[in-house]
ModelCIF file with pLDDT and N, C-alpha, C, O atoms, coordinates in Angstrom:
data_MODEL
#
_entry.id   MODEL 
#
_entity.id                         1 
_entity.type                       polymer 
_entity.pdbx_number_of_molecules   1 
#
_entity_poly.entity_id                      1 
_entity_poly.type                           'polypeptide(L)' 
_entity_poly.nstd_linkage                   no 
_entity_poly.nstd_monomer                   no 
_entity_poly.pdbx_seq_one_letter_code       ARRIWVACGPGNNGGDGLVAATLLYKHARQHGLQTQICITFA 
_entity_poly.pdbx_seq_one_letter_code_can   ARRIWVACGPGNNGGDGLVAATLLYKHARQHGLQTQICITFA 
_entity_poly.pdbx_strand_id                 A 
#
loop_
_entity_poly_seq.entity_id 
_entity_poly_seq.num 
_entity_poly_seq.mon_id 
_entity_poly_seq.hetero 
1 1  ALA n 
1 2  ARG n 
1 3  ARG n 
1 4  ILE n 
1 5  TRP n 
1 6  VAL n 
1 7  ALA n 
1 8  CYS n 
1 9  GLY n 
1 10 PRO n 
1 11 GLY n 
1 12 ASN n 
1 13 ASN n 
1 14 GLY n 
1 15 GLY n 
1 16 ASP n 
1 17 GLY n 
1 18 LEU n 
1 19 VAL n 
1 20 ALA n 
1 21 ALA n 
1 22 THR n 
1 23 LEU n 
1 24 LEU n 
1 25 TYR n 
1 26 LYS n 
1 27 HIS n 
1 28 ALA n 
1 29 ARG n 
1 30 GLN n 
1 31 HIS n 
1 32 GLY n 
1 33 LEU n 
1 34 GLN n 
1 35 THR n 
1 36 GLN n 
1 37 ILE n 
1 38 CYS n 
1 39 ILE n 
1 40 THR n 
1 41 PHE n 
1 42 ALA n 
#
_struct_asym.id          A 
_struct_asym.entity_id   1 
#
loop_
_ma_qa_metric.id 
_ma_qa_metric.mode 
_ma_qa_metric.name 
_ma_qa_metric.software_group_id 
_ma_qa_metric.type 
1 global pLDDT . pLDDT 
2 local  pLDDT . pLDDT 
#
_ma_qa_metric_global.metric_id      1 
_ma_qa_metric_global.metric_value   96.07 
_ma_qa_metric_global.model_id       1 
_ma_qa_metric_global.ordinal_id     1 
#
loop_
_ma_qa_metric_local.label_asym_id 
_ma_qa_metric_local.label_comp_id 
_ma_qa_metric_local.label_seq_id 
_ma_qa_metric_local.metric_id 
_ma_qa_metric_local.metric_value 
_ma_qa_metric_local.model_id 
_ma_qa_metric_local.ordinal_id 
A ALA 1  2 95.00 1 1  
A ARG 2  2 96.00 1 2  
A ARG 3  2 97.00 1 3  
A ILE 4  2 98.00 1 4  
A TRP 5  2 98.00 1 5  
A VAL 6  2 98.00 1 6  
A ALA 7  2 98.00 1 7  
A CYS 8  2 97.00 1 8  
A GLY 9  2 96.00 1 9  
A PRO 10 2 94.00 1 10 
A GLY 11 2 94.00 1 11 
A ASN 12 2 96.00 1 12 
A ASN 13 2 97.00 1 13 
A GLY 14 2 97.00 1 14 
A GLY 15 2 97.00 1 15 
A ASP 16 2 98.00 1 16 
A GLY 17 2 98.00 1 17 
A LEU 18 2 98.00 1 18 
A VAL 19 2 98.00 1 19 
A ALA 20 2 98.00 1 20 
A ALA 21 2 98.00 1 21 
A THR 22 2 98.00 1 22 
A LEU 23 2 98.00 1 23 
A LEU 24 2 98.00 1 24 
A TYR 25 2 97.00 1 25 
A LYS 26 2 96.00 1 26 
A HIS 27 2 96.00 1 27 
A ALA 28 2 95.00 1 28 
A ARG 29 2 94.00 1 29 
A GLN 30 2 94.00 1 30 
A HIS 31 2 94.00 1 31 
A GLY 32 2 93.00 1 32 
A LEU 33 2 92.00 1 33 
A GLN 34 2 90.00 1 34 
A THR 35 2 94.00 1 35 
A GLN 36 2 96.00 1 36 
A ILE 37 2 97.00 1 37 
A CYS 38 2 97.00 1 38 
A ILE 39 2 97.00 1 39 
A THR 40 2 97.00 1 40 
A PHE 41 2 94.00 1 41 
A ALA 42 2 92.00 1 42 
#
loop_
_atom_site.group_PDB 
_atom_site.id 
_atom_site.type_symbol 
_atom_site.label_atom_id 
_atom_site.label_alt_id 
_atom_site.label_comp_id 
_atom_site.label_asym_id 
_atom_site.label_entity_id 
_atom_site.label_seq_id 
_atom_site.pdbx_PDB_ins_code 
_atom_site.Cartn_x 
_atom_site.Cartn_y 
_atom_site.Cartn_z 
_atom_site.occupancy 
_atom_site.B_iso_or_equiv 
_atom_site.pdbx_formal_charge 
_atom_site.auth_seq_id 
_atom_site.auth_comp_id 
_atom_site.auth_asym_id 
_atom_site.auth_atom_id 
_atom_site.pdbx_PDB_model_num 
ATOM 1   N N  . ALA A 1 1  ? 0.802   -1.174 -0.077 1.00 95.00 ? 1  ALA A N  1 
ATOM 2   C CA . ALA A 1 1  ? 0.187   0.070  -0.082 1.00 95.00 ? 1  ALA A CA 1 
ATOM 3   C C  . ALA A 1 1  ? 0.825   1.272  0.012  1.00 95.00 ? 1  ALA A C  1 
ATOM 4   O O  . ALA A 1 1  ? 1.737   1.407  0.828  1.00 95.00 ? 1  ALA A O  1 
ATOM 5   N N  . ARG A 1 2  ? 0.435   2.287  -0.796 1.00 96.00 ? 2  ARG A N  1 
ATOM 6   C CA . ARG A 1 2  ? 1.207   3.511  -0.736 1.00 96.00 ? 2  ARG A CA 1 
ATOM 7   C C  . ARG A 1 2  ? 0.467   4.646  -0.190 1.00 96.00 ? 2  ARG A C  1 
ATOM 8   O O  . ARG A 1 2  ? 1.071   5.691  0.050  1.00 96.00 ? 2  ARG A O  1 
ATOM 9   N N  . ARG A 1 3  ? -0.774  4.537  0.027  1.00 97.00 ? 3  ARG A N  1 
ATOM 10  C CA . ARG A 1 3  ? -1.451  5.586  0.790  1.00 97.00 ? 3  ARG A CA 1 
ATOM 11  C C  . ARG A 1 3  ? -2.510  4.911  1.629  1.00 97.00 ? 3  ARG A C  1 
ATOM 12  O O  . ARG A 1 3  ? -3.442  4.327  1.078  1.00 97.00 ? 3  ARG A O  1 
ATOM 13  N N  . ILE A 1 4  ? -2.401  4.969  2.917  1.00 98.00 ? 4  ILE A N  1 
ATOM 14  C CA . ILE A 1 4  ? -3.231  4.271  3.878  1.00 98.00 ? 4  ILE A CA 1 
ATOM 15  C C  . ILE A 1 4  ? -4.075  5.385  4.690  1.00 98.00 ? 4  ILE A C  1 
ATOM 16  O O  . ILE A 1 4  ? -3.510  6.224  5.391  1.00 98.00 ? 4  ILE A O  1 
ATOM 17  N N  . TRP A 1 5  ? -5.423  5.321  4.540  1.00 98.00 ? 5  TRP A N  1 
ATOM 18  C CA . TRP A 1 5  ? -6.209  6.227  5.232  1.00 98.00 ? 5  TRP A CA 1 
ATOM 19  C C  . TRP A 1 5  ? -6.461  5.490  6.815  1.00 98.00 ? 5  TRP A C  1 
ATOM 20  O O  . TRP A 1 5  ? -6.815  4.313  6.899  1.00 98.00 ? 5  TRP A O  1 
ATOM 21  N N  . VAL A 1 6  ? -6.277  6.172  7.773  1.00 98.00 ? 6  VAL A N  1 
ATOM 22  C CA . VAL A 1 6  ? -6.513  5.747  9.107  1.00 98.00 ? 6  VAL A CA 1 
ATOM 23  C C  . VAL A 1 6  ? -7.634  6.649  9.565  1.00 98.00 ? 6  VAL A C  1 
ATOM 24  O O  . VAL A 1 6  ? -7.273  7.793  9.840  1.00 98.00 ? 6  VAL A O  1 
ATOM 25  N N  . ALA A 1 7  ? -8.964  6.369  9.710  1.00 98.00 ? 7  ALA A N  1 
ATOM 26  C CA . ALA A 1 7  ? -9.991  6.990  10.030 1.00 98.00 ? 7  ALA A CA 1 
ATOM 27  C C  . ALA A 1 7  ? -10.282 6.728  11.607 1.00 98.00 ? 7  ALA A C  1 
ATOM 28  O O  . ALA A 1 7  ? -10.723 5.662  12.036 1.00 98.00 ? 7  ALA A O  1 
ATOM 29  N N  . CYS A 1 8  ? -9.979  7.824  12.381 1.00 97.00 ? 8  CYS A N  1 
ATOM 30  C CA . CYS A 1 8  ? -10.026 7.665  13.669 1.00 97.00 ? 8  CYS A CA 1 
ATOM 31  C C  . CYS A 1 8  ? -11.318 8.324  14.428 1.00 97.00 ? 8  CYS A C  1 
ATOM 32  O O  . CYS A 1 8  ? -11.660 9.441  14.039 1.00 97.00 ? 8  CYS A O  1 
ATOM 33  N N  . GLY A 1 9  ? -11.981 7.772  15.375 1.00 96.00 ? 9  GLY A N  1 
ATOM 34  C CA . GLY A 1 9  ? -13.020 8.531  15.972 1.00 96.00 ? 9  GLY A CA 1 
ATOM 35  C C  . GLY A 1 9  ? -12.720 9.051  17.339 1.00 96.00 ? 9  GLY A C  1 
ATOM 36  O O  . GLY A 1 9  ? -11.537 9.190  17.653 1.00 96.00 ? 9  GLY A O  1 
ATOM 37  N N  . PRO A 1 10 ? -13.607 9.334  18.132 1.00 94.00 ? 10 PRO A N  1 
ATOM 38  C CA . PRO A 1 10 ? -13.400 10.140 19.311 1.00 94.00 ? 10 PRO A CA 1 
ATOM 39  C C  . PRO A 1 10 ? -13.224 9.510  20.610 1.00 94.00 ? 10 PRO A C  1 
ATOM 40  O O  . PRO A 1 10 ? -13.172 10.195 21.632 1.00 94.00 ? 10 PRO A O  1 
ATOM 41  N N  . GLY A 1 11 ? -13.109 7.962  20.632 1.00 94.00 ? 11 GLY A N  1 
ATOM 42  C CA . GLY A 1 11 ? -13.034 7.258  21.896 1.00 94.00 ? 11 GLY A CA 1 
ATOM 43  C C  . GLY A 1 11 ? -11.758 6.421  21.709 1.00 94.00 ? 11 GLY A C  1 
ATOM 44  O O  . GLY A 1 11 ? -10.873 6.763  20.924 1.00 94.00 ? 11 GLY A O  1 
ATOM 45  N N  . ASN A 1 12 ? -11.700 5.299  22.471 1.00 96.00 ? 12 ASN A N  1 
ATOM 46  C CA . ASN A 1 12 ? -10.489 4.342  22.591 1.00 96.00 ? 12 ASN A CA 1 
ATOM 47  C C  . ASN A 1 12 ? -10.396 3.578  21.280 1.00 96.00 ? 12 ASN A C  1 
ATOM 48  O O  . ASN A 1 12 ? -9.280  3.140  20.999 1.00 96.00 ? 12 ASN A O  1 
ATOM 49  N N  . ASN A 1 13 ? -11.383 3.355  20.448 1.00 97.00 ? 13 ASN A N  1 
ATOM 50  C CA . ASN A 1 13 ? -11.384 2.757  19.091 1.00 97.00 ? 13 ASN A CA 1 
ATOM 51  C C  . ASN A 1 13 ? -10.359 3.810  18.212 1.00 97.00 ? 13 ASN A C  1 
ATOM 52  O O  . ASN A 1 13 ? -9.420  3.367  17.551 1.00 97.00 ? 13 ASN A O  1 
ATOM 53  N N  . GLY A 1 14 ? -10.614 4.983  18.285 1.00 97.00 ? 14 GLY A N  1 
ATOM 54  C CA . GLY A 1 14 ? -9.784  5.857  17.544 1.00 97.00 ? 14 GLY A CA 1 
ATOM 55  C C  . GLY A 1 14 ? -8.366  5.980  18.195 1.00 97.00 ? 14 GLY A C  1 
ATOM 56  O O  . GLY A 1 14 ? -7.422  6.247  17.452 1.00 97.00 ? 14 GLY A O  1 
ATOM 57  N N  . GLY A 1 15 ? -8.175  5.817  19.418 1.00 97.00 ? 15 GLY A N  1 
ATOM 58  C CA . GLY A 1 15 ? -6.966  5.669  20.010 1.00 97.00 ? 15 GLY A CA 1 
ATOM 59  C C  . GLY A 1 15 ? -6.105  4.470  19.514 1.00 97.00 ? 15 GLY A C  1 
ATOM 60  O O  . GLY A 1 15 ? -4.902  4.564  19.267 1.00 97.00 ? 15 GLY A O  1 
ATOM 61  N N  . ASP A 1 16 ? -6.816  3.374  19.397 1.00 98.00 ? 16 ASP A N  1 
ATOM 62  C CA . ASP A 1 16 ? -6.258  2.161  18.695 1.00 98.00 ? 16 ASP A CA 1 
ATOM 63  C C  . ASP A 1 16 ? -5.684  2.388  17.347 1.00 98.00 ? 16 ASP A C  1 
ATOM 64  O O  . ASP A 1 16 ? -4.579  1.971  16.999 1.00 98.00 ? 16 ASP A O  1 
ATOM 65  N N  . GLY A 1 17 ? -6.626  3.183  16.493 1.00 98.00 ? 17 GLY A N  1 
ATOM 66  C CA . GLY A 1 17 ? -6.209  3.544  15.193 1.00 98.00 ? 17 GLY A CA 1 
ATOM 67  C C  . GLY A 1 17 ? -4.944  4.419  15.291 1.00 98.00 ? 17 GLY A C  1 
ATOM 68  O O  . GLY A 1 17 ? -3.982  4.118  14.584 1.00 98.00 ? 17 GLY A O  1 
ATOM 69  N N  . LEU A 1 18 ? -4.878  5.486  16.120 1.00 98.00 ? 18 LEU A N  1 
ATOM 70  C CA . LEU A 1 18 ? -3.940  6.345  16.266 1.00 98.00 ? 18 LEU A CA 1 
ATOM 71  C C  . LEU A 1 18 ? -2.479  5.682  16.525 1.00 98.00 ? 18 LEU A C  1 
ATOM 72  O O  . LEU A 1 18 ? -1.478  6.067  15.920 1.00 98.00 ? 18 LEU A O  1 
ATOM 73  N N  . VAL A 1 19 ? -2.470  4.634  17.500 1.00 98.00 ? 19 VAL A N  1 
ATOM 74  C CA . VAL A 1 19 ? -1.310  3.938  17.897 1.00 98.00 ? 19 VAL A CA 1 
ATOM 75  C C  . VAL A 1 19 ? -0.832  3.196  16.560 1.00 98.00 ? 19 VAL A C  1 
ATOM 76  O O  . VAL A 1 19 ? 0.345   3.155  16.202 1.00 98.00 ? 19 VAL A O  1 
ATOM 77  N N  . ALA A 1 20 ? -2.004  2.560  15.804 1.00 98.00 ? 20 ALA A N  1 
ATOM 78  C CA . ALA A 1 20 ? -1.542  1.789  14.562 1.00 98.00 ? 20 ALA A CA 1 
ATOM 79  C C  . ALA A 1 20 ? -0.785  2.786  13.477 1.00 98.00 ? 20 ALA A C  1 
ATOM 80  O O  . ALA A 1 20 ? 0.191   2.497  12.784 1.00 98.00 ? 20 ALA A O  1 
ATOM 81  N N  . ALA A 1 21 ? -1.458  3.957  13.518 1.00 98.00 ? 21 ALA A N  1 
ATOM 82  C CA . ALA A 1 21 ? -0.911  4.869  12.322 1.00 98.00 ? 21 ALA A CA 1 
ATOM 83  C C  . ALA A 1 21 ? 0.497   5.271  12.605 1.00 98.00 ? 21 ALA A C  1 
ATOM 84  O O  . ALA A 1 21 ? 1.346   5.355  11.717 1.00 98.00 ? 21 ALA A O  1 
ATOM 85  N N  . THR A 1 22 ? 0.737   5.533  13.941 1.00 98.00 ? 22 THR A N  1 
ATOM 86  C CA . THR A 1 22 ? 1.991   5.957  14.456 1.00 98.00 ? 22 THR A CA 1 
ATOM 87  C C  . THR A 1 22 ? 3.116   4.903  14.137 1.00 98.00 ? 22 THR A C  1 
ATOM 88  O O  . THR A 1 22 ? 4.240   5.170  13.713 1.00 98.00 ? 22 THR A O  1 
ATOM 89  N N  . LEU A 1 23 ? 2.595   3.628  14.423 1.00 98.00 ? 23 LEU A N  1 
ATOM 90  C CA . LEU A 1 23 ? 3.606   2.664  14.101 1.00 98.00 ? 23 LEU A CA 1 
ATOM 91  C C  . LEU A 1 23 ? 3.967   2.367  12.655 1.00 98.00 ? 23 LEU A C  1 
ATOM 92  O O  . LEU A 1 23 ? 5.093   2.058  12.266 1.00 98.00 ? 23 LEU A O  1 
ATOM 93  N N  . LEU A 1 24 ? 2.818   2.502  11.865 1.00 98.00 ? 24 LEU A N  1 
ATOM 94  C CA . LEU A 1 24 ? 2.929   2.288  10.331 1.00 98.00 ? 24 LEU A CA 1 
ATOM 95  C C  . LEU A 1 24 ? 3.884   3.412  9.953  1.00 98.00 ? 24 LEU A C  1 
ATOM 96  O O  . LEU A 1 24 ? 4.845   3.118  9.242  1.00 98.00 ? 24 LEU A O  1 
ATOM 97  N N  . TYR A 1 25 ? 3.717   4.687  10.361 1.00 97.00 ? 25 TYR A N  1 
ATOM 98  C CA . TYR A 1 25 ? 4.453   5.831  10.080 1.00 97.00 ? 25 TYR A CA 1 
ATOM 99  C C  . TYR A 1 25 ? 5.919   5.650  10.263 1.00 97.00 ? 25 TYR A C  1 
ATOM 100 O O  . TYR A 1 25 ? 6.724   5.965  9.386  1.00 97.00 ? 25 TYR A O  1 
ATOM 101 N N  . LYS A 1 26 ? 6.285   5.100  11.502 1.00 96.00 ? 26 LYS A N  1 
ATOM 102 C CA . LYS A 1 26 ? 7.648   4.934  11.786 1.00 96.00 ? 26 LYS A CA 1 
ATOM 103 C C  . LYS A 1 26 ? 8.289   3.722  11.038 1.00 96.00 ? 26 LYS A C  1 
ATOM 104 O O  . LYS A 1 26 ? 9.491   3.678  10.779 1.00 96.00 ? 26 LYS A O  1 
ATOM 105 N N  . HIS A 1 27 ? 7.491   2.845  10.746 1.00 96.00 ? 27 HIS A N  1 
ATOM 106 C CA . HIS A 1 27 ? 8.037   1.667  9.991  1.00 96.00 ? 27 HIS A CA 1 
ATOM 107 C C  . HIS A 1 27 ? 8.386   2.256  8.589  1.00 96.00 ? 27 HIS A C  1 
ATOM 108 O O  . HIS A 1 27 ? 9.479   1.987  8.091  1.00 96.00 ? 27 HIS A O  1 
ATOM 109 N N  . ALA A 1 28 ? 7.479   3.063  7.928  1.00 95.00 ? 28 ALA A N  1 
ATOM 110 C CA . ALA A 1 28 ? 7.720   3.486  6.636  1.00 95.00 ? 28 ALA A CA 1 
ATOM 111 C C  . ALA A 1 28 ? 9.078   4.297  6.608  1.00 95.00 ? 28 ALA A C  1 
ATOM 112 O O  . ALA A 1 28 ? 9.911   4.157  5.712  1.00 95.00 ? 28 ALA A O  1 
ATOM 113 N N  . ARG A 1 29 ? 9.203   5.076  7.577  1.00 94.00 ? 29 ARG A N  1 
ATOM 114 C CA . ARG A 1 29 ? 10.283  6.082  7.582  1.00 94.00 ? 29 ARG A CA 1 
ATOM 115 C C  . ARG A 1 29 ? 11.537  5.154  7.930  1.00 94.00 ? 29 ARG A C  1 
ATOM 116 O O  . ARG A 1 29 ? 12.572  5.417  7.317  1.00 94.00 ? 29 ARG A O  1 
ATOM 117 N N  . GLN A 1 30 ? 11.559  4.214  8.743  1.00 94.00 ? 30 GLN A N  1 
ATOM 118 C CA . GLN A 1 30 ? 12.846  3.431  9.094  1.00 94.00 ? 30 GLN A CA 1 
ATOM 119 C C  . GLN A 1 30 ? 13.192  2.616  7.746  1.00 94.00 ? 30 GLN A C  1 
ATOM 120 O O  . GLN A 1 30 ? 14.385  2.483  7.476  1.00 94.00 ? 30 GLN A O  1 
ATOM 121 N N  . HIS A 1 31 ? 12.273  2.090  6.925  1.00 94.00 ? 31 HIS A N  1 
ATOM 122 C CA . HIS A 1 31 ? 12.667  1.329  5.942  1.00 94.00 ? 31 HIS A CA 1 
ATOM 123 C C  . HIS A 1 31 ? 12.752  2.087  4.617  1.00 94.00 ? 31 HIS A C  1 
ATOM 124 O O  . HIS A 1 31 ? 12.952  1.435  3.592  1.00 94.00 ? 31 HIS A O  1 
ATOM 125 N N  . GLY A 1 32 ? 12.613  3.429  4.561  1.00 93.00 ? 32 GLY A N  1 
ATOM 126 C CA . GLY A 1 32 ? 12.731  4.239  3.419  1.00 93.00 ? 32 GLY A CA 1 
ATOM 127 C C  . GLY A 1 32 ? 11.590  3.865  2.420  1.00 93.00 ? 32 GLY A C  1 
ATOM 128 O O  . GLY A 1 32 ? 11.779  3.845  1.203  1.00 93.00 ? 32 GLY A O  1 
ATOM 129 N N  . LEU A 1 33 ? 10.271  3.540  3.069  1.00 92.00 ? 33 LEU A N  1 
ATOM 130 C CA . LEU A 1 33 ? 9.224   3.265  2.158  1.00 92.00 ? 33 LEU A CA 1 
ATOM 131 C C  . LEU A 1 33 ? 8.467   4.611  1.744  1.00 92.00 ? 33 LEU A C  1 
ATOM 132 O O  . LEU A 1 33 ? 8.577   5.653  2.390  1.00 92.00 ? 33 LEU A O  1 
ATOM 133 N N  . GLN A 1 34 ? 7.693   4.474  0.603  1.00 90.00 ? 34 GLN A N  1 
ATOM 134 C CA . GLN A 1 34 ? 7.013   5.737  0.211  1.00 90.00 ? 34 GLN A CA 1 
ATOM 135 C C  . GLN A 1 34 ? 5.606   5.739  0.661  1.00 90.00 ? 34 GLN A C  1 
ATOM 136 O O  . GLN A 1 34 ? 4.780   6.522  0.193  1.00 90.00 ? 34 GLN A O  1 
ATOM 137 N N  . THR A 1 35 ? 5.334   4.867  1.564  1.00 94.00 ? 35 THR A N  1 
ATOM 138 C CA . THR A 1 35 ? 3.964   4.858  2.092  1.00 94.00 ? 35 THR A CA 1 
ATOM 139 C C  . THR A 1 35 ? 3.624   6.018  2.767  1.00 94.00 ? 35 THR A C  1 
ATOM 140 O O  . THR A 1 35 ? 4.418   6.514  3.567  1.00 94.00 ? 35 THR A O  1 
ATOM 141 N N  . GLN A 1 36 ? 2.344   6.600  2.503  1.00 96.00 ? 36 GLN A N  1 
ATOM 142 C CA . GLN A 1 36 ? 1.838   7.790  3.165  1.00 96.00 ? 36 GLN A CA 1 
ATOM 143 C C  . GLN A 1 36 ? 0.758   7.306  4.178  1.00 96.00 ? 36 GLN A C  1 
ATOM 144 O O  . GLN A 1 36 ? -0.106  6.492  3.852  1.00 96.00 ? 36 GLN A O  1 
ATOM 145 N N  . ILE A 1 37 ? 0.847   7.831  5.388  1.00 97.00 ? 37 ILE A N  1 
ATOM 146 C CA . ILE A 1 37 ? -0.156  7.488  6.304  1.00 97.00 ? 37 ILE A CA 1 
ATOM 147 C C  . ILE A 1 37 ? -0.973  8.765  6.593  1.00 97.00 ? 37 ILE A C  1 
ATOM 148 O O  . ILE A 1 37 ? -0.418  9.724  7.131  1.00 97.00 ? 37 ILE A O  1 
ATOM 149 N N  . CYS A 1 38 ? -2.293  8.801  6.246  1.00 97.00 ? 38 CYS A N  1 
ATOM 150 C CA . CYS A 1 38 ? -3.111  9.900  6.216  1.00 97.00 ? 38 CYS A CA 1 
ATOM 151 C C  . CYS A 1 38 ? -4.229  9.657  7.511  1.00 97.00 ? 38 CYS A C  1 
ATOM 152 O O  . CYS A 1 38 ? -4.944  8.657  7.560  1.00 97.00 ? 38 CYS A O  1 
ATOM 153 N N  . ILE A 1 39 ? -4.247  10.528 8.339  1.00 97.00 ? 39 ILE A N  1 
ATOM 154 C CA . ILE A 1 39 ? -5.157  10.241 9.370  1.00 97.00 ? 39 ILE A CA 1 
ATOM 155 C C  . ILE A 1 39 ? -6.113  11.470 9.479  1.00 97.00 ? 39 ILE A C  1 
ATOM 156 O O  . ILE A 1 39 ? -5.744  12.642 9.397  1.00 97.00 ? 39 ILE A O  1 
ATOM 157 N N  . THR A 1 40 ? -7.456  11.021 9.685  1.00 97.00 ? 40 THR A N  1 
ATOM 158 C CA . THR A 1 40 ? -8.450  11.915 10.045 1.00 97.00 ? 40 THR A CA 1 
ATOM 159 C C  . THR A 1 40 ? -8.852  11.619 11.426 1.00 97.00 ? 40 THR A C  1 
ATOM 160 O O  . THR A 1 40 ? -8.867  10.473 11.873 1.00 97.00 ? 40 THR A O  1 
ATOM 161 N N  . PHE A 1 41 ? -9.193  12.712 12.129 1.00 94.00 ? 41 PHE A N  1 
ATOM 162 C CA . PHE A 1 41 ? -9.649  12.529 13.398 1.00 94.00 ? 41 PHE A CA 1 
ATOM 163 C C  . PHE A 1 41 ? -11.027 13.171 13.705 1.00 94.00 ? 41 PHE A C  1 
ATOM 164 O O  . PHE A 1 41 ? -11.080 14.399 13.770 1.00 94.00 ? 41 PHE A O  1 
ATOM 165 N N  . ALA A 1 42 ? -11.978 12.541 13.869 1.00 92.00 ? 42 ALA A N  1 
ATOM 166 C CA . ALA A 1 42 ? -13.358 13.087 14.140 1.00 92.00 ? 42 ALA A CA 1 
ATOM 167 C C  . ALA A 1 42 ? -13.803 12.966 15.575 1.00 92.00 ? 42 ALA A C  1 
ATOM 168 O O  . ALA A 1 42 ? -14.912 13.378 15.914 1.00 92.00 ? 42 ALA A O  1 
#
């Protein structure tokens, strides 16, 4: 995947998504991947 949308809500489910987005973002940077992690927060 080159562009991943993480749609986060206002509770702990959204928090789970935020943690996942952070890990995916760090992984992409560490391995020189072109993957974009796009977060929306409602």
